[in-house]
Amino acid sequence: MEKKELRLLKNFIGILFVILFLAVGGHEVNAAEILIGTGKSTSMDYYTGRAICRIINQNAKDFTCKALFTEDSYYNLTNVRSGSIEMGIVESDMQYHAVNHSGSFQFLDISYENIRALFSVHSVLLTVIAQRNSGIKHFDDLKGKRINIGNPGSSQRAIMEMMMATKGWTKTDFLLTEELPAAQHSLALCHGRIQATVDKIVHPSPAVKQLMDFCDAFIVGINDQQIDKLVADTPYYTSAIISEGMYKNNTTPIPTFGMKATVVVSADLDETIAYTIVKTLFDNLERFKKMHPAFAKLTPAQMSKEGLIAPLHEGAMRYYREKGWR
């Protein structure tokens, strides 16, 4: 072999050695990437996932986070279960039915027993919106009125049906029961086709603000002993308040209830990674709360308990024990 060829071979071997050294242990070349399933690209869940990733990417050292827009909570649960994604944002009712094999999950052949909870974030609240001239002041006043109860198969329809059953109401107790999806009920309310509608909403909501500003609508408080018992008896519901001043003419706190958006992972997720995710978010909670008005009143006590139906992941439990919350 000629000297020139030998020198080139030695240089190649040297470069190869450096590459192998860096990849194996010289220093970290590529951090691991954690994927979080959220919701549709325009949804609050997608915004929340991006906010969580922003906190992680700015503060965690051993991995990065990327938010994926997805179809819904069911998609997130299924892909967390299978290991396709590491985290998912899931509403507390879906989390409950998945781990308890109930509701829409009772007929599935697959198990979600490996789902684990990390923490909850914003609330998704049942919101009753009525025309101001409808004569509706309290929840009981819906009886005998023209209302929208939500389209069949929707979660707001399921909640309304539970409330109607609790009150002993049927469709015949209303002058008219429309079954409109969320995209259509605002127009029907503004034009007087219906006098009230129900929806699941993350507040503050631009859509609700428009109804207040242009259709003279208002939010009806749900302050009812029978509904309070329903909420207390349902593990995935939590009582809530829509704060005063959030909307036009909203001068007093409005009682209601709803679900929590929660973050879940698989039991197989590395304990240190889960611990780091939880610790990073809670250690930077004040910054996180400033990222959206829906986060503004979050507290560690709420986030570490409310809506968490699945067992806590060991990494989350480790952090909560350190803080004295368990």
Protein backbone atom coordinates (compact mmCIF):
# COMPACT_ATOMS: atom_id res chain seq x y z
CA MET A 1 0.00 0.00 0.00
CA GLU A 2 1.43 3.42 -0.95
CA LYS A 3 2.18 5.99 1.76
CA LYS A 4 -0.56 8.35 0.53
CA GLU A 5 -3.21 5.61 0.65
CA LEU A 6 -1.99 4.50 4.09
CA ARG A 7 -2.24 8.09 5.36
CA LEU A 8 -5.79 8.43 4.03
CA LEU A 9 -6.76 5.14 5.66
CA LYS A 10 -5.35 6.28 9.02
CA ASN A 11 -7.24 9.60 8.75
CA PHE A 12 -10.49 7.75 7.95
CA ILE A 13 -10.03 5.41 10.93
CA GLY A 14 -9.32 8.41 13.17
CA ILE A 15 -12.46 10.22 12.07
CA LEU A 16 -14.51 7.04 12.49
CA PHE A 17 -13.15 6.62 16.03
CA VAL A 18 -14.14 10.18 16.96
CA ILE A 19 -17.64 9.67 15.60
CA LEU A 20 -18.07 6.42 17.53
CA PHE A 21 -16.70 8.02 20.69
CA LEU A 22 -19.14 10.91 20.54
CA ALA A 23 -22.09 8.67 19.74
CA VAL A 24 -21.37 6.12 22.45
CA GLY A 25 -20.25 8.24 25.34
CA GLY A 26 -18.15 11.26 24.54
CA HIS A 27 -21.14 13.60 25.00
CA GLU A 28 -24.82 13.62 24.23
CA VAL A 29 -25.36 14.21 20.53
CA ASN A 30 -29.14 13.82 20.25
CA ALA A 31 -31.46 14.08 23.24
CA ALA A 32 -34.45 11.76 23.45
CA GLU A 33 -37.73 13.22 22.18
CA ILE A 34 -40.96 12.86 24.16
CA LEU A 35 -44.18 13.11 22.16
CA ILE A 36 -47.42 14.40 23.67
CA GLY A 37 -50.75 13.82 21.93
CA THR A 38 -53.10 16.78 22.31
CA GLY A 39 -56.14 17.57 20.17
CA LYS A 40 -57.09 19.30 16.94
CA SER A 41 -54.74 22.05 15.79
CA THR A 42 -57.15 24.79 16.90
CA SER A 43 -58.01 23.22 20.26
CA MET A 44 -57.11 24.26 23.78
CA ASP A 45 -55.55 20.83 24.31
CA TYR A 46 -53.08 21.48 21.50
CA TYR A 47 -52.19 24.85 23.01
CA THR A 48 -51.75 23.17 26.40
CA GLY A 49 -49.48 20.49 24.96
CA ARG A 50 -47.33 23.14 23.30
CA ALA A 51 -47.14 25.09 26.57
CA ILE A 52 -46.04 21.99 28.49
CA CYS A 53 -43.39 21.26 25.85
CA ARG A 54 -42.17 24.84 25.99
CA ILE A 55 -41.57 24.54 29.73
CA ILE A 56 -39.83 21.17 29.30
CA ASN A 57 -37.67 22.27 26.39
CA GLN A 58 -36.52 25.37 28.23
CA ASN A 59 -35.68 23.60 31.48
CA ALA A 60 -35.15 19.83 31.10
CA LYS A 61 -31.71 18.65 29.99
CA ASP A 62 -32.04 14.97 29.12
CA PHE A 63 -34.87 15.05 26.60
CA THR A 64 -37.00 17.32 24.45
CA CYS A 65 -40.77 17.49 24.01
CA LYS A 66 -42.91 17.81 20.91
CA ALA A 67 -46.69 18.40 20.83
CA LEU A 68 -48.68 16.55 18.17
CA PHE A 69 -52.16 17.61 17.13
CA THR A 70 -54.42 14.56 17.23
CA GLU A 71 -58.06 13.62 16.85
CA ASP A 72 -59.22 13.35 20.47
CA SER A 73 -58.76 11.81 23.94
CA TYR A 74 -59.51 8.33 22.64
CA TYR A 75 -56.69 8.58 20.11
CA ASN A 76 -54.30 9.79 22.82
CA LEU A 77 -55.26 7.02 25.25
CA THR A 78 -54.88 4.32 22.62
CA ASN A 79 -51.48 5.55 21.45
CA VAL A 80 -50.13 6.05 24.96
CA ARG A 81 -51.29 2.54 25.79
CA SER A 82 -49.46 1.09 22.78
CA GLY A 83 -46.30 3.14 23.34
CA SER A 84 -46.62 5.11 20.08
CA ILE A 85 -46.50 8.35 22.07
CA GLU A 86 -45.20 8.95 25.59
CA MET A 87 -47.83 11.40 26.89
CA GLY A 88 -51.42 12.29 26.06
CA ILE A 89 -53.92 14.95 27.11
CA VAL A 90 -57.14 13.20 28.08
CA GLU A 91 -60.34 14.49 29.64
CA SER A 92 -61.05 12.99 33.05
CA ASP A 93 -64.25 11.23 31.98
CA MET A 94 -62.41 9.40 29.20
CA GLN A 95 -59.61 8.52 31.60
CA TYR A 96 -62.17 7.07 34.00
CA HIS A 97 -63.98 4.97 31.40
CA ALA A 98 -60.73 3.69 29.88
CA VAL A 99 -59.22 2.39 33.13
CA ASN A 100 -62.57 1.08 34.39
CA HIS A 101 -63.55 -0.54 31.08
CA SER A 102 -66.89 1.30 31.16
CA GLY A 103 -68.84 3.70 28.95
CA SER A 104 -67.66 3.59 25.34
CA PHE A 105 -64.72 1.39 26.38
CA GLN A 106 -66.75 -1.50 27.79
CA PHE A 107 -67.11 -3.25 24.44
CA LEU A 108 -63.42 -3.04 23.49
CA ASP A 109 -61.26 -6.15 23.63
CA ILE A 110 -58.12 -4.24 24.60
CA SER A 111 -57.17 -3.21 28.12
CA TYR A 112 -56.05 0.21 29.33
CA GLU A 113 -54.76 -1.03 32.67
CA ASN A 114 -51.29 0.34 31.90
CA ILE A 115 -52.50 3.97 31.77
CA ARG A 116 -50.97 6.14 34.52
CA ALA A 117 -51.72 9.73 35.52
CA LEU A 118 -49.21 12.55 35.93
CA PHE A 119 -51.24 15.71 36.65
CA SER A 120 -54.28 17.69 35.53
CA VAL A 121 -54.34 21.08 33.87
CA HIS A 122 -57.26 23.29 32.77
CA SER A 123 -60.95 22.68 33.40
CA VAL A 124 -63.48 21.90 30.68
CA LEU A 125 -66.77 23.20 32.07
CA LEU A 126 -70.38 22.47 31.25
CA THR A 127 -71.75 25.87 30.30
CA VAL A 128 -75.42 26.74 29.92
CA ILE A 129 -75.89 29.85 27.76
CA ALA A 130 -79.28 31.54 27.44
CA GLN A 131 -80.90 34.54 25.77
CA ARG A 132 -81.35 37.36 28.25
CA ASN A 133 -85.03 37.81 27.29
CA SER A 134 -85.79 34.08 27.61
CA GLY A 135 -87.03 34.24 31.20
CA ILE A 136 -84.30 31.79 32.22
CA LYS A 137 -82.48 32.75 35.42
CA HIS A 138 -81.73 29.37 37.00
CA PHE A 139 -81.09 25.87 35.70
CA ASP A 140 -84.64 24.76 36.59
CA ASP A 141 -85.99 27.48 34.31
CA LEU A 142 -84.85 25.49 31.27
CA LYS A 143 -87.93 23.34 31.67
CA GLY A 144 -90.59 24.34 29.15
CA LYS A 145 -88.14 26.28 26.96
CA ARG A 146 -86.59 25.77 23.53
CA ILE A 147 -83.14 24.31 24.18
CA ASN A 148 -80.27 22.57 22.44
CA ILE A 149 -79.09 19.44 24.24
CA GLY A 150 -76.19 18.64 21.91
CA ASN A 151 -75.77 16.21 19.05
CA PRO A 152 -76.05 12.45 19.76
CA GLY A 153 -72.70 10.91 20.70
CA SER A 154 -71.18 14.18 21.89
CA SER A 155 -69.88 14.49 25.43
CA GLN A 156 -72.03 17.55 26.16
CA ARG A 157 -75.08 15.50 25.14
CA ALA A 158 -74.01 12.72 27.51
CA ILE A 159 -73.64 15.21 30.36
CA MET A 160 -77.00 16.82 29.62
CA GLU A 161 -78.69 13.43 29.57
CA MET A 162 -77.21 12.64 32.99
CA MET A 163 -78.49 15.97 34.31
CA MET A 164 -81.94 15.41 32.82
CA ALA A 165 -82.11 11.94 34.40
CA THR A 166 -81.07 13.42 37.75
CA LYS A 167 -83.85 16.02 37.50
CA GLY A 168 -86.39 13.48 36.24
CA TRP A 169 -86.75 15.36 32.94
CA THR A 170 -87.36 13.94 29.46
CA LYS A 171 -87.45 15.68 26.09
CA THR A 172 -91.19 16.19 26.51
CA ASP A 173 -90.50 18.57 29.40
CA PHE A 174 -89.15 21.12 26.92
CA LEU A 175 -91.03 23.13 24.31
CA LEU A 176 -88.33 22.14 21.79
CA THR A 177 -85.16 20.03 22.03
CA GLU A 178 -82.67 20.60 19.25
CA GLU A 179 -79.69 18.27 18.76
CA LEU A 180 -77.22 20.70 17.21
CA PRO A 181 -73.44 20.29 17.25
CA ALA A 182 -71.32 22.98 18.86
CA ALA A 183 -70.57 24.58 15.49
CA GLN A 184 -74.27 25.36 14.89
CA HIS A 185 -75.81 26.21 18.24
CA SER A 186 -74.49 29.80 18.45
CA LEU A 187 -76.31 30.86 15.28
CA ALA A 188 -79.51 29.16 16.46
CA LEU A 189 -79.30 31.00 19.79
CA CYS A 190 -78.62 34.38 18.18
CA HIS A 191 -81.56 34.00 15.78
CA GLY A 192 -83.95 32.93 18.53
CA ARG A 193 -84.51 29.44 17.21
CA ILE A 194 -83.50 28.20 20.65
CA GLN A 195 -83.51 30.03 23.99
CA ALA A 196 -80.65 28.14 25.63
CA THR A 197 -77.86 25.72 24.78
CA VAL A 198 -75.30 23.59 26.60
CA ASP A 199 -71.67 23.09 25.69
CA LYS A 200 -68.32 22.02 27.15
CA ILE A 201 -66.08 25.06 27.23
CA VAL A 202 -62.63 26.11 28.38
CA HIS A 203 -62.98 29.64 29.76
CA PRO A 204 -62.35 32.34 28.74
CA SER A 205 -63.75 31.51 25.32
CA PRO A 206 -63.84 33.85 22.28
CA ALA A 207 -67.02 32.10 21.09
CA VAL A 208 -68.81 32.79 24.38
CA LYS A 209 -67.59 36.40 24.33
CA GLN A 210 -69.14 36.84 20.88
CA LEU A 211 -72.46 35.48 22.13
CA MET A 212 -72.36 37.94 25.03
CA ASP A 213 -71.41 40.90 22.84
CA PHE A 214 -73.62 40.36 19.81
CA CYS A 215 -76.54 38.14 20.89
CA ASP A 216 -77.29 39.50 24.37
CA ALA A 217 -76.63 36.09 25.90
CA PHE A 218 -75.50 35.20 29.41
CA ILE A 219 -74.27 32.17 31.34
CA VAL A 220 -76.75 30.42 33.59
CA GLY A 221 -75.30 29.29 36.90
CA ILE A 222 -75.84 25.66 37.90
CA ASN A 223 -76.63 25.93 41.59
CA ASP A 224 -78.84 22.92 42.23
CA GLN A 225 -78.76 20.39 45.09
CA GLN A 226 -79.62 17.45 42.84
CA ILE A 227 -76.88 18.35 40.36
CA ASP A 228 -74.46 18.94 43.23
CA LYS A 229 -75.09 15.36 44.36
CA LEU A 230 -74.55 14.10 40.81
CA VAL A 231 -71.19 15.87 40.71
CA ALA A 232 -70.18 14.56 44.14
CA ASP A 233 -71.11 10.99 43.15
CA THR A 234 -69.27 11.07 39.79
CA PRO A 235 -65.49 10.59 40.15
CA TYR A 236 -64.56 12.45 36.98
CA TYR A 237 -66.62 15.58 37.67
CA THR A 238 -65.42 18.53 39.74
CA SER A 239 -67.31 21.59 40.94
CA ALA A 240 -66.06 24.84 39.46
CA ILE A 241 -66.62 28.57 39.25
CA ILE A 242 -66.54 30.78 36.17
CA SER A 243 -64.86 33.87 37.58
CA GLU A 244 -66.56 37.25 37.63
CA GLY A 245 -65.41 39.78 35.07
CA MET A 246 -64.53 37.15 32.50
CA TYR A 247 -67.31 38.27 30.14
CA LYS A 248 -69.58 41.24 29.52
CA ASN A 249 -72.07 41.74 32.40
CA ASN A 250 -70.48 38.77 34.20
CA THR A 251 -70.26 40.59 37.54
CA THR A 252 -70.57 37.65 39.97
CA PRO A 253 -68.99 34.16 40.14
CA ILE A 254 -71.01 31.57 38.20
CA PRO A 255 -71.21 28.05 39.70
CA THR A 256 -70.96 25.07 37.39
CA PHE A 257 -69.02 21.80 37.04
CA GLY A 258 -67.04 19.85 34.51
CA MET A 259 -64.05 17.71 33.74
CA LYS A 260 -60.32 18.25 33.95
CA ALA A 261 -57.90 17.95 31.08
CA THR A 262 -55.31 15.49 32.39
CA VAL A 263 -51.90 14.29 31.26
CA VAL A 264 -51.44 10.52 31.14
CA VAL A 265 -48.55 8.20 30.30
CA SER A 266 -47.92 4.47 30.18
CA ALA A 267 -46.76 2.54 33.23
CA ASP A 268 -43.78 1.56 31.06
CA LEU A 269 -42.47 5.13 30.84
CA ASP A 270 -39.12 5.43 32.62
CA GLU A 271 -39.62 6.62 36.20
CA THR A 272 -36.90 9.27 35.95
CA ILE A 273 -38.44 10.73 32.80
CA ALA A 274 -41.90 10.89 34.40
CA TYR A 275 -40.41 12.44 37.53
CA THR A 276 -38.55 15.04 35.49
CA ILE A 277 -41.67 15.97 33.49
CA VAL A 278 -43.70 16.55 36.66
CA LYS A 279 -40.92 18.31 38.54
CA THR A 280 -40.10 20.58 35.60
CA LEU A 281 -43.70 21.71 35.17
CA PHE A 282 -44.38 22.26 38.88
CA ASP A 283 -41.04 23.99 39.47
CA ASN A 284 -41.98 26.41 36.69
CA LEU A 285 -45.71 26.59 37.43
CA GLU A 286 -45.85 30.38 37.75
CA ARG A 287 -44.45 30.74 34.25
CA PHE A 288 -46.85 28.11 32.93
CA LYS A 289 -49.85 29.90 34.49
CA LYS A 290 -49.01 33.07 32.55
CA MET A 291 -49.16 31.26 29.21
CA HIS A 292 -52.98 31.26 29.00
CA PRO A 293 -55.83 32.72 31.10
CA ALA A 294 -57.25 29.19 31.55
CA PHE A 295 -54.11 28.29 33.53
CA ALA A 296 -54.15 31.40 35.73
CA LYS A 297 -55.78 29.90 38.82
CA LEU A 298 -54.20 26.45 38.73
CA THR A 299 -52.78 25.26 42.04
CA PRO A 300 -50.49 22.32 42.87
CA ALA A 301 -53.21 20.88 45.12
CA GLN A 302 -55.68 20.78 42.22
CA MET A 303 -53.23 19.58 39.60
CA SER A 304 -51.90 16.73 41.73
CA LYS A 305 -55.36 15.36 42.60
CA GLU A 306 -58.37 16.55 40.57
CA GLY A 307 -59.43 14.36 37.65
CA LEU A 308 -56.71 11.77 38.21
CA ILE A 309 -58.63 8.50 38.03
CA ALA A 310 -55.84 6.22 36.82
CA PRO A 311 -53.11 5.27 39.31
CA LEU A 312 -50.32 7.81 39.54
CA HIS A 313 -47.13 6.95 37.71
CA GLU A 314 -44.30 6.13 40.11
CA GLY A 315 -42.35 9.13 38.83
CA ALA A 316 -45.22 11.49 39.64
CA MET A 317 -45.79 9.83 43.01
CA ARG A 318 -42.11 10.26 43.84
CA TYR A 319 -42.29 14.01 43.23
CA TYR A 320 -45.57 14.44 45.14
CA ARG A 321 -44.13 12.57 48.13
CA GLU A 322 -41.08 14.82 48.10
CA LYS A 323 -43.40 17.84 48.26
CA GLY A 324 -45.49 16.29 51.04
CA TRP A 325 -48.61 16.11 48.88
CA ARG A 326 -48.97 12.33 49.36
